[in-house]
Amino acid sequence: MAVFRRRQFSEEKGICHMTKATITQLPDPSGFSPDPLTEVLRTGARRLIEQAVEAELATLLAAHACEQTEDGRARLVRHGHLPEREVMTGVGPVPVKVPRVRDRAAGAEKIRFTSAILPPYLRKAKSVEDLLPWLYLKGISSGDFQEALAALLGPNAAGLSATTISRLKGAWWDEYERWQRRDLGTRRIVYIWADGVYFQPRMAEEKQCVLVLIGADEWGRKEVLGLTDGYRESTQSWRELLLDLKRRGLTRAPELAIGDGALGFWAALREVFGSTREQRCWVHKTGNVLNAMPKSVQPKAKGHLHDIWQAETKADAEAAFDFFIETYGVKYDKAVAKLTKDRAELLAFYDFPAEHWKHIRTSNPIESTFATVRHRTGKAKGCLSRKTGLAMAFRLMMSAQAKWRKLDGANRLPEIVKGVEFKDGIKQRQAAA
């Protein structure tokens, strides 16, 4: 079965070429509504339903495209929409419209369009926004969707044929391309999280992965900033992604970047946003260190590593750091070397608000999004095309983003932007005017 797999902690480099595109304006997520999160979810659900129904209709029209009336006109044509109605979903009532068709043939049995997704009297729907991309990435091919969805959602899902799914994926790719061109000039990003995720089965090019950047703005809102393919997370691949974000308006350097120890991202970050501080992910670092130690020693060593990053002050963390080196340095020098080479970057979080520590010590915002798929152990044959892999990853990230909460201690973020200093997570003084 298909599965996302996290990278084996590698520091290899490569080259990837990505195309440039024209900047286009999309609505800014800061637009106000009485309940912004619910409004975003409803809007996303409505768009998804519209796309799916349009894909169903396109399949029907294509099936009868060659049929004509006696006077040479197309037999089946679009004919407006049925009256709008609301469907109750997991995010509340969502207004929907079902398109109609007109059959011009005289005397023959009339062809009608009945959506399998929105049957005539449907008033309550199960949430399928996340379902299709998850099923695809878990190994259900387009030809298997009809059976899988019918089993999960009931017989009304039977109309989602392989052709309909293919059209829907095409619509998602178009949405991804528009998203890739959005203007970022209004954003003031404080934190960014970076990671690379590999497909299993692999993408069309061997060692190709998906590069993901998530940002948190000065109001604590998290959003996906960048998502594209790259070759082994090389410096060149990350550089192109960062430069593209900068070209589209993200000109002010983030205050802190969080990621694992792969060299590609950090080298690119120093070139593009040289003033951004670096925080290594403690989850990845712990895994790297323990992998270089015997299994019999790992439980105790893991506890000592926790003593470092869970310390209340940087001084206590430094003392725990020195204790780990003294305890394991002689016997397990390679493991200790993996830890000490990033000492400063592992402890950078102490210079930021304590309310944010749980957010910025790891790359969890990206990790958790793909956790369900990554933990599967099935194997799959073949490979995903570039467009399929990116479109599915994009849909997963957009679905996840709609459910993200603000960072704790969001009121501290404007202080960071203003240059307020923090020591051991505590505010020290205002920046000089």
Protein backbone atom coordinates (compact mmCIF):
# COMPACT_ATOMS: atom_id res chain seq x y z
CA MET A 1 0.00 0.00 0.00
CA ALA A 2 1.01 3.60 -0.51
CA VAL A 3 2.47 5.35 2.49
CA PHE A 4 4.29 8.56 3.35
CA ARG A 5 7.66 7.71 4.87
CA ARG A 6 9.86 10.10 6.79
CA ARG A 7 13.39 10.37 5.55
CA GLN A 8 16.17 8.24 7.06
CA PHE A 9 18.17 11.00 8.69
CA SER A 10 20.28 11.92 5.67
CA GLU A 11 22.44 14.88 4.77
CA GLU A 12 22.89 14.17 1.08
CA LYS A 13 22.61 16.92 -1.51
CA GLY A 14 21.25 17.12 -5.03
CA ILE A 15 19.74 19.46 -7.57
CA CYS A 16 16.13 20.14 -8.50
CA HIS A 17 14.78 22.58 -11.07
CA MET A 18 11.44 24.23 -10.39
CA THR A 19 9.60 26.60 -12.68
CA LYS A 20 8.70 30.20 -11.88
CA ALA A 21 5.14 31.47 -12.12
CA THR A 22 3.32 34.77 -12.14
CA ILE A 23 2.15 36.19 -8.83
CA THR A 24 -1.61 36.33 -8.43
CA GLN A 25 -3.75 37.75 -5.67
CA LEU A 26 -5.77 35.39 -3.48
CA PRO A 27 -7.94 36.39 -0.50
CA ASP A 28 -5.86 37.05 2.60
CA PRO A 29 -6.58 34.61 5.46
CA SER A 30 -6.74 37.54 7.86
CA GLY A 31 -10.16 38.55 6.48
CA PHE A 32 -12.61 38.87 9.38
CA SER A 33 -15.79 36.92 9.95
CA PRO A 34 -17.77 36.35 13.15
CA ASP A 35 -16.34 32.82 13.34
CA PRO A 36 -13.31 32.76 11.01
CA LEU A 37 -12.38 29.10 11.46
CA THR A 38 -15.89 27.81 10.84
CA GLU A 39 -16.27 30.10 7.83
CA VAL A 40 -13.04 28.80 6.33
CA LEU A 41 -14.14 25.21 6.85
CA ARG A 42 -17.55 25.83 5.30
CA THR A 43 -16.05 27.63 2.33
CA GLY A 44 -13.59 24.81 1.79
CA ALA A 45 -16.34 22.19 2.05
CA ARG A 46 -18.51 24.06 -0.45
CA ARG A 47 -15.68 24.34 -2.95
CA LEU A 48 -14.79 20.67 -2.58
CA ILE A 49 -18.41 19.61 -3.14
CA GLU A 50 -18.70 21.90 -6.18
CA GLN A 51 -15.52 20.44 -7.67
CA ALA A 52 -16.65 16.87 -7.11
CA VAL A 53 -20.11 17.44 -8.58
CA GLU A 54 -18.65 19.25 -11.59
CA ALA A 55 -16.34 16.28 -12.13
CA GLU A 56 -19.38 13.97 -12.07
CA LEU A 57 -21.20 16.16 -14.59
CA ALA A 58 -18.17 16.36 -16.89
CA THR A 59 -18.03 12.56 -16.93
CA LEU A 60 -21.69 12.35 -17.97
CA LEU A 61 -21.32 15.00 -20.70
CA ALA A 62 -18.19 13.30 -22.05
CA ALA A 63 -20.02 9.95 -22.24
CA HIS A 64 -22.70 11.48 -24.51
CA ALA A 65 -20.51 13.98 -26.37
CA CYS A 66 -20.91 12.17 -29.70
CA GLU A 67 -24.71 12.05 -29.60
CA GLN A 68 -26.57 14.64 -31.64
CA THR A 69 -30.15 15.62 -32.39
CA GLU A 70 -31.67 15.29 -35.87
CA ASP A 71 -30.73 18.89 -36.66
CA GLY A 72 -27.07 18.32 -35.73
CA ARG A 73 -26.98 19.92 -32.31
CA ALA A 74 -25.43 18.30 -29.23
CA ARG A 75 -28.02 16.12 -27.56
CA LEU A 76 -26.95 16.76 -23.96
CA VAL A 77 -26.04 20.26 -22.73
CA ARG A 78 -25.77 22.10 -19.43
CA HIS A 79 -28.95 23.81 -18.29
CA GLY A 80 -28.32 25.96 -15.23
CA HIS A 81 -28.65 24.72 -11.65
CA LEU A 82 -31.30 23.36 -9.36
CA PRO A 83 -32.35 25.68 -6.53
CA GLU A 84 -29.70 26.09 -3.86
CA ARG A 85 -30.14 24.03 -0.71
CA GLU A 86 -28.24 23.53 2.52
CA VAL A 87 -26.59 20.26 3.50
CA MET A 88 -25.74 19.70 7.14
CA THR A 89 -22.08 18.72 7.50
CA GLY A 90 -19.57 18.37 10.31
CA VAL A 91 -18.87 22.10 10.08
CA GLY A 92 -22.52 23.17 10.01
CA PRO A 93 -24.88 23.93 7.11
CA VAL A 94 -23.16 24.28 3.72
CA PRO A 95 -25.10 25.80 0.77
CA VAL A 96 -24.83 23.71 -2.37
CA LYS A 97 -26.06 23.85 -5.95
CA VAL A 98 -26.45 20.90 -8.30
CA PRO A 99 -26.13 21.57 -12.03
CA ARG A 100 -28.83 20.45 -14.45
CA VAL A 101 -28.63 19.08 -17.97
CA ARG A 102 -31.03 19.37 -20.91
CA ASP A 103 -31.64 16.42 -23.19
CA ARG A 104 -32.69 17.78 -26.61
CA ALA A 105 -33.51 14.39 -28.13
CA ALA A 106 -37.18 13.93 -29.01
CA GLY A 107 -38.98 10.70 -28.27
CA ALA A 108 -36.05 8.96 -26.57
CA GLU A 109 -35.77 8.22 -22.87
CA LYS A 110 -34.50 11.38 -21.27
CA ILE A 111 -30.97 11.49 -19.89
CA ARG A 112 -30.84 13.13 -16.49
CA PHE A 113 -27.99 14.10 -14.23
CA THR A 114 -28.26 12.78 -10.70
CA SER A 115 -25.24 13.43 -8.51
CA ALA A 116 -24.07 10.50 -6.41
CA ILE A 117 -22.50 12.98 -4.01
CA LEU A 118 -25.58 15.21 -3.71
CA PRO A 119 -28.63 13.02 -4.41
CA PRO A 120 -31.93 14.93 -4.76
CA TYR A 121 -33.13 14.81 -1.15
CA LEU A 122 -29.83 14.75 0.71
CA ARG A 123 -29.88 17.07 3.70
CA LYS A 124 -27.12 15.58 5.83
CA ALA A 125 -23.71 14.45 4.58
CA LYS A 126 -20.77 12.60 6.01
CA SER A 127 -17.46 14.46 5.89
CA VAL A 128 -15.41 13.34 2.91
CA GLU A 129 -13.09 16.34 2.61
CA ASP A 130 -10.11 14.43 3.98
CA LEU A 131 -11.09 11.01 2.76
CA LEU A 132 -10.11 10.96 -0.91
CA PRO A 133 -6.45 12.06 -0.60
CA TRP A 134 -5.90 9.81 2.42
CA LEU A 135 -7.31 6.79 0.60
CA TYR A 136 -5.20 7.51 -2.46
CA LEU A 137 -1.97 7.89 -0.53
CA LYS A 138 -2.71 4.79 1.51
CA GLY A 139 -2.71 2.74 -1.66
CA ILE A 140 -6.20 2.74 -3.13
CA SER A 141 -5.86 3.41 -6.83
CA SER A 142 -8.40 5.35 -8.85
CA GLY A 143 -10.01 2.12 -10.03
CA ASP A 144 -10.59 0.98 -6.44
CA PHE A 145 -12.26 4.14 -5.19
CA GLN A 146 -15.80 3.16 -6.07
CA GLU A 147 -15.68 -0.02 -3.99
CA ALA A 148 -13.76 1.58 -1.11
CA LEU A 149 -16.03 4.61 -0.81
CA ALA A 150 -19.18 2.52 -1.09
CA ALA A 151 -17.94 0.42 1.84
CA LEU A 152 -17.09 3.49 3.91
CA LEU A 153 -19.85 5.92 2.97
CA GLY A 154 -22.65 3.71 1.73
CA PRO A 155 -24.12 3.07 -1.73
CA ASN A 156 -24.50 6.77 -2.54
CA ALA A 157 -20.73 6.95 -3.08
CA ALA A 158 -20.87 4.46 -5.95
CA GLY A 159 -21.01 7.26 -8.52
CA LEU A 160 -17.44 8.29 -7.76
CA SER A 161 -15.96 6.33 -10.64
CA ALA A 162 -12.30 6.24 -11.63
CA THR A 163 -12.98 8.88 -14.29
CA THR A 164 -14.66 11.17 -11.77
CA ILE A 165 -11.77 10.79 -9.34
CA SER A 166 -9.28 11.58 -12.10
CA ARG A 167 -11.17 14.77 -12.96
CA LEU A 168 -11.31 15.71 -9.29
CA LYS A 169 -7.55 15.24 -8.94
CA GLY A 170 -7.11 17.47 -11.96
CA ALA A 171 -9.16 20.19 -10.25
CA TRP A 172 -6.99 19.84 -7.14
CA TRP A 173 -3.87 20.28 -9.26
CA ASP A 174 -5.28 23.49 -10.72
CA GLU A 175 -6.04 24.71 -7.21
CA TYR A 176 -2.49 23.86 -6.13
CA GLU A 177 -1.02 25.85 -9.02
CA ARG A 178 -3.12 28.90 -8.12
CA TRP A 179 -2.05 28.55 -4.50
CA GLN A 180 1.59 28.42 -5.60
CA ARG A 181 1.20 31.88 -7.16
CA ARG A 182 -0.52 33.65 -4.26
CA ASP A 183 0.87 36.95 -2.98
CA LEU A 184 2.61 36.74 0.42
CA GLY A 185 3.31 40.46 0.80
CA THR A 186 0.85 40.89 3.69
CA ARG A 187 2.44 38.20 5.85
CA ARG A 188 4.73 38.84 8.84
CA ILE A 189 6.01 35.38 9.65
CA VAL A 190 7.69 34.88 13.03
CA TYR A 191 8.36 31.12 13.09
CA ILE A 192 8.79 28.61 10.27
CA TRP A 193 8.92 24.82 10.42
CA ALA A 194 10.65 22.88 7.63
CA ASP A 195 10.61 19.20 6.74
CA GLY A 196 10.80 16.83 3.81
CA VAL A 197 8.49 13.83 3.35
CA TYR A 198 9.14 10.86 1.09
CA PHE A 199 6.50 8.79 -0.66
CA GLN A 200 6.30 5.05 -0.49
CA PRO A 201 5.73 4.19 -3.28
CA ARG A 202 8.16 6.76 -4.55
CA MET A 203 7.35 9.67 -6.80
CA ALA A 204 8.16 9.53 -10.52
CA GLU A 205 11.78 10.58 -9.98
CA GLU A 206 13.85 8.43 -7.67
CA LYS A 207 14.73 10.12 -4.36
CA GLN A 208 12.13 12.81 -5.02
CA CYS A 209 10.35 14.14 -1.92
CA VAL A 210 7.87 16.82 -0.88
CA LEU A 211 9.37 19.88 0.80
CA VAL A 212 7.00 21.51 3.29
CA LEU A 213 7.25 24.90 5.02
CA ILE A 214 4.74 25.98 7.68
CA GLY A 215 4.75 29.46 9.15
CA ALA A 216 3.21 31.19 12.17
CA ASP A 217 2.42 34.89 11.83
CA GLU A 218 2.48 37.65 14.43
CA TRP A 219 -1.06 36.74 15.52
CA GLY A 220 -0.22 33.10 16.14
CA ARG A 221 -2.00 31.75 13.05
CA LYS A 222 -0.28 28.81 11.35
CA GLU A 223 -0.43 28.28 7.61
CA VAL A 224 1.33 26.29 4.92
CA LEU A 225 3.76 28.69 3.24
CA GLY A 226 5.38 26.41 0.70
CA LEU A 227 4.93 22.90 -0.65
CA THR A 228 6.84 21.56 -3.63
CA ASP A 229 8.95 18.66 -4.77
CA GLY A 230 12.70 18.46 -4.34
CA TYR A 231 15.60 16.11 -4.83
CA ARG A 232 16.70 14.61 -1.51
CA GLU A 233 16.06 17.91 0.28
CA SER A 234 19.15 19.37 -1.32
CA THR A 235 20.36 22.91 -0.71
CA GLN A 236 19.35 23.82 -4.25
CA SER A 237 15.82 22.51 -3.81
CA TRP A 238 15.30 24.39 -0.55
CA ARG A 239 16.95 27.53 -1.96
CA GLU A 240 14.50 27.60 -4.86
CA LEU A 241 11.54 27.23 -2.51
CA LEU A 242 12.74 29.99 -0.17
CA LEU A 243 13.59 32.34 -3.02
CA ASP A 244 10.17 31.80 -4.55
CA LEU A 245 8.51 32.73 -1.24
CA LYS A 246 10.68 35.84 -1.06
CA ARG A 247 9.86 36.79 -4.66
CA ARG A 248 6.15 36.64 -3.86
CA GLY A 249 6.42 39.05 -0.96
CA LEU A 250 7.85 37.20 2.05
CA THR A 251 10.75 39.65 2.29
CA ARG A 252 11.10 39.96 6.07
CA ALA A 253 13.14 37.16 7.58
CA PRO A 254 11.40 34.92 10.14
CA GLU A 255 12.75 35.14 13.66
CA LEU A 256 13.27 31.38 14.12
CA ALA A 257 13.33 28.30 11.88
CA ILE A 258 12.69 24.81 13.22
CA GLY A 259 13.74 21.60 11.49
CA ASP A 260 15.96 18.55 11.69
CA GLY A 261 19.68 18.43 11.01
CA ALA A 262 19.63 17.87 7.24
CA LEU A 263 22.19 20.28 5.81
CA GLY A 264 20.24 21.28 2.71
CA PHE A 265 17.62 23.47 4.39
CA TRP A 266 19.99 25.23 6.77
CA ALA A 267 22.52 26.12 4.08
CA ALA A 268 19.72 27.54 1.92
CA LEU A 269 18.19 29.42 4.88
CA ARG A 270 21.51 31.16 5.63
CA GLU A 271 21.71 32.33 2.03
CA VAL A 272 18.14 33.61 1.72
CA PHE A 273 17.25 34.68 5.30
CA GLY A 274 20.62 35.11 6.97
CA SER A 275 19.29 36.72 10.15
CA THR A 276 16.87 33.89 11.01
CA ARG A 277 17.92 31.91 14.07
CA GLU A 278 18.00 28.12 13.95
CA GLN A 279 16.36 25.57 16.24
CA ARG A 280 17.06 21.87 15.70
CA CYS A 281 14.15 19.49 16.23
CA TRP A 282 14.63 17.56 19.47
CA VAL A 283 12.58 14.59 18.27
CA HIS A 284 14.83 14.04 15.27
CA LYS A 285 17.98 14.74 17.25
CA THR A 286 16.99 12.24 19.94
CA GLY A 287 16.39 9.61 17.27
CA ASN A 288 19.76 10.31 15.64
CA VAL A 289 21.67 10.07 18.90
CA LEU A 290 19.93 6.92 20.15
CA ASN A 291 20.40 5.17 16.80
CA ALA A 292 24.15 5.38 17.38
CA MET A 293 23.88 3.61 20.77
CA PRO A 294 23.15 -0.01 21.76
CA LYS A 295 19.49 -0.78 22.41
CA SER A 296 20.27 -1.77 25.99
CA VAL A 297 21.51 1.77 26.71
CA GLN A 298 18.84 3.70 24.81
CA PRO A 299 16.09 3.95 27.47
CA LYS A 300 18.42 5.48 30.06
CA ALA A 301 20.13 7.73 27.52
CA LYS A 302 16.75 8.94 26.29
CA GLY A 303 15.86 10.04 29.80
CA HIS A 304 19.09 12.00 30.04
CA LEU A 305 18.37 13.68 26.71
CA HIS A 306 14.94 14.67 28.01
CA ASP A 307 16.64 16.26 31.01
CA ILE A 308 18.34 18.68 28.62
CA TRP A 309 15.42 20.05 26.63
CA GLN A 310 12.93 19.86 29.49
CA ALA A 311 15.12 21.91 31.84
CA GLU A 312 13.53 25.10 33.21
CA THR A 313 16.52 27.31 32.41
CA LYS A 314 19.28 27.35 29.84
CA ALA A 315 21.86 27.01 32.61
CA ASP A 316 20.21 23.80 33.79
CA ALA A 317 20.07 22.56 30.20
CA GLU A 318 23.77 23.27 29.74
CA ALA A 319 24.54 21.32 32.92
CA ALA A 320 22.44 18.37 31.70
CA PHE A 321 24.19 18.62 28.34
CA ASP A 322 27.62 18.38 30.00
CA PHE A 323 26.42 15.44 32.12
CA PHE A 324 25.36 13.55 28.99
CA ILE A 325 28.75 14.16 27.36
CA GLU A 326 30.62 13.03 30.48
CA THR A 327 28.44 9.95 30.95
CA TYR A 328 28.45 8.63 27.37
CA GLY A 329 31.36 10.38 25.64
CA VAL A 330 34.00 7.72 26.18
CA LYS A 331 32.03 4.67 25.06
CA TYR A 332 29.67 6.23 22.56
CA ASP A 333 31.64 9.07 21.06
CA LYS A 334 29.79 8.98 17.72
CA ALA A 335 26.45 9.38 19.43
CA VAL A 336 27.73 12.25 21.56
CA ALA A 337 29.25 13.93 18.50
CA LYS A 338 25.82 13.97 16.83
CA LEU A 339 24.50 15.87 19.85
CA THR A 340 27.35 18.32 20.45
CA LYS A 341 27.67 19.50 16.84
CA ASP A 342 24.32 21.32 17.13
CA ARG A 343 24.57 22.39 20.77
CA ALA A 344 23.75 26.08 20.28
CA GLU A 345 20.96 25.36 17.79
CA LEU A 346 19.36 22.81 20.11
CA LEU A 347 19.08 25.36 22.92
CA ALA A 348 17.96 28.40 20.90
CA PHE A 349 14.36 28.08 22.15
CA TYR A 350 15.36 29.40 25.60
CA ASP A 351 15.61 32.88 24.04
CA PHE A 352 11.92 32.81 23.10
CA PRO A 353 8.73 32.95 25.20
CA ALA A 354 8.17 29.92 27.43
CA GLU A 355 4.58 29.69 26.14
CA HIS A 356 6.02 28.82 22.72
CA TRP A 357 8.54 26.19 23.78
CA LYS A 358 6.26 23.23 23.13
CA HIS A 359 5.68 24.56 19.61
CA ILE A 360 9.25 25.40 18.63
CA ARG A 361 11.32 22.55 20.08
CA THR A 362 10.17 20.13 17.35
CA SER A 363 8.87 20.07 13.79
CA ASN A 364 5.64 18.52 15.08
CA PRO A 365 3.25 20.69 12.98
CA ILE A 366 4.49 18.86 9.88
CA GLU A 367 5.16 15.51 11.54
CA SER A 368 1.66 15.16 12.96
CA THR A 369 -0.01 15.92 9.62
CA PHE A 370 1.48 12.82 8.01
CA ALA A 371 1.63 10.63 11.12
CA THR A 372 -1.30 8.37 10.23
CA VAL A 373 0.08 7.48 6.84
CA ARG A 374 3.71 7.32 7.92
CA HIS A 375 3.02 4.75 10.62
CA ARG A 376 1.66 2.26 8.13
CA THR A 377 4.07 -0.53 7.19
CA GLY A 378 2.55 -1.79 3.92
CA LYS A 379 4.58 -1.87 0.74
CA ALA A 380 3.40 -0.73 -2.66
CA LYS A 381 4.59 -1.21 -6.20
CA GLY A 382 4.95 1.37 -8.91
CA CYS A 383 5.30 5.10 -8.41
CA LEU A 384 3.24 8.27 -8.16
CA SER A 385 3.45 10.94 -10.80
CA ARG A 386 4.75 14.33 -9.73
CA LYS A 387 1.32 15.92 -10.21
CA THR A 388 -0.49 13.21 -8.27
CA GLY A 389 1.96 13.28 -5.37
CA LEU A 390 1.90 17.06 -5.04
CA ALA A 391 -1.87 17.38 -5.50
CA MET A 392 -2.58 14.78 -2.83
CA ALA A 393 -0.01 16.26 -0.41
CA PHE A 394 -1.52 19.70 -1.01
CA ARG A 395 -5.04 18.48 -0.23
CA LEU A 396 -3.80 16.82 2.97
CA MET A 397 -2.05 19.98 4.11
CA MET A 398 -5.03 22.21 3.30
CA SER A 399 -7.38 19.88 5.19
CA ALA A 400 -5.01 19.84 8.15
CA GLN A 401 -4.51 23.62 8.06
CA ALA A 402 -8.24 24.23 8.42
CA LYS A 403 -8.13 22.51 11.82
CA TRP A 404 -4.98 24.12 13.25
CA ARG A 405 -5.25 26.19 16.42
CA LYS A 406 -3.34 29.35 17.13
CA LEU A 407 -0.07 29.13 19.02
CA ASP A 408 -0.33 29.39 22.79
CA GLY A 409 0.84 32.76 24.05
CA ALA A 410 -0.05 34.51 20.78
CA ASN A 411 0.22 37.87 22.57
CA ARG A 412 3.99 37.33 22.81
CA LEU A 413 4.54 37.24 19.07
CA PRO A 414 4.22 41.01 18.46
CA GLU A 415 6.78 41.47 21.24
CA ILE A 416 9.24 39.23 19.39
CA VAL A 417 8.68 41.25 16.22
CA LYS A 418 9.43 44.46 18.14
CA GLY A 419 12.72 43.03 19.42
CA VAL A 420 11.77 42.37 23.03
CA GLU A 421 14.34 40.09 24.65
CA PHE A 422 13.50 36.85 26.43
CA LYS A 423 15.76 34.90 28.77
CA ASP A 424 14.78 31.41 29.85
CA GLY A 425 11.39 32.13 28.31
CA ILE A 426 10.76 35.24 30.40
CA LYS A 427 10.40 38.77 29.01
CA GLN A 428 13.42 40.90 29.92
CA ARG A 429 13.09 44.40 28.53
CA GLN A 430 11.74 46.42 25.66
CA ALA A 431 14.02 46.99 22.68
CA ALA A 432 15.67 50.39 22.56
CA ALA A 433 13.71 52.92 20.53
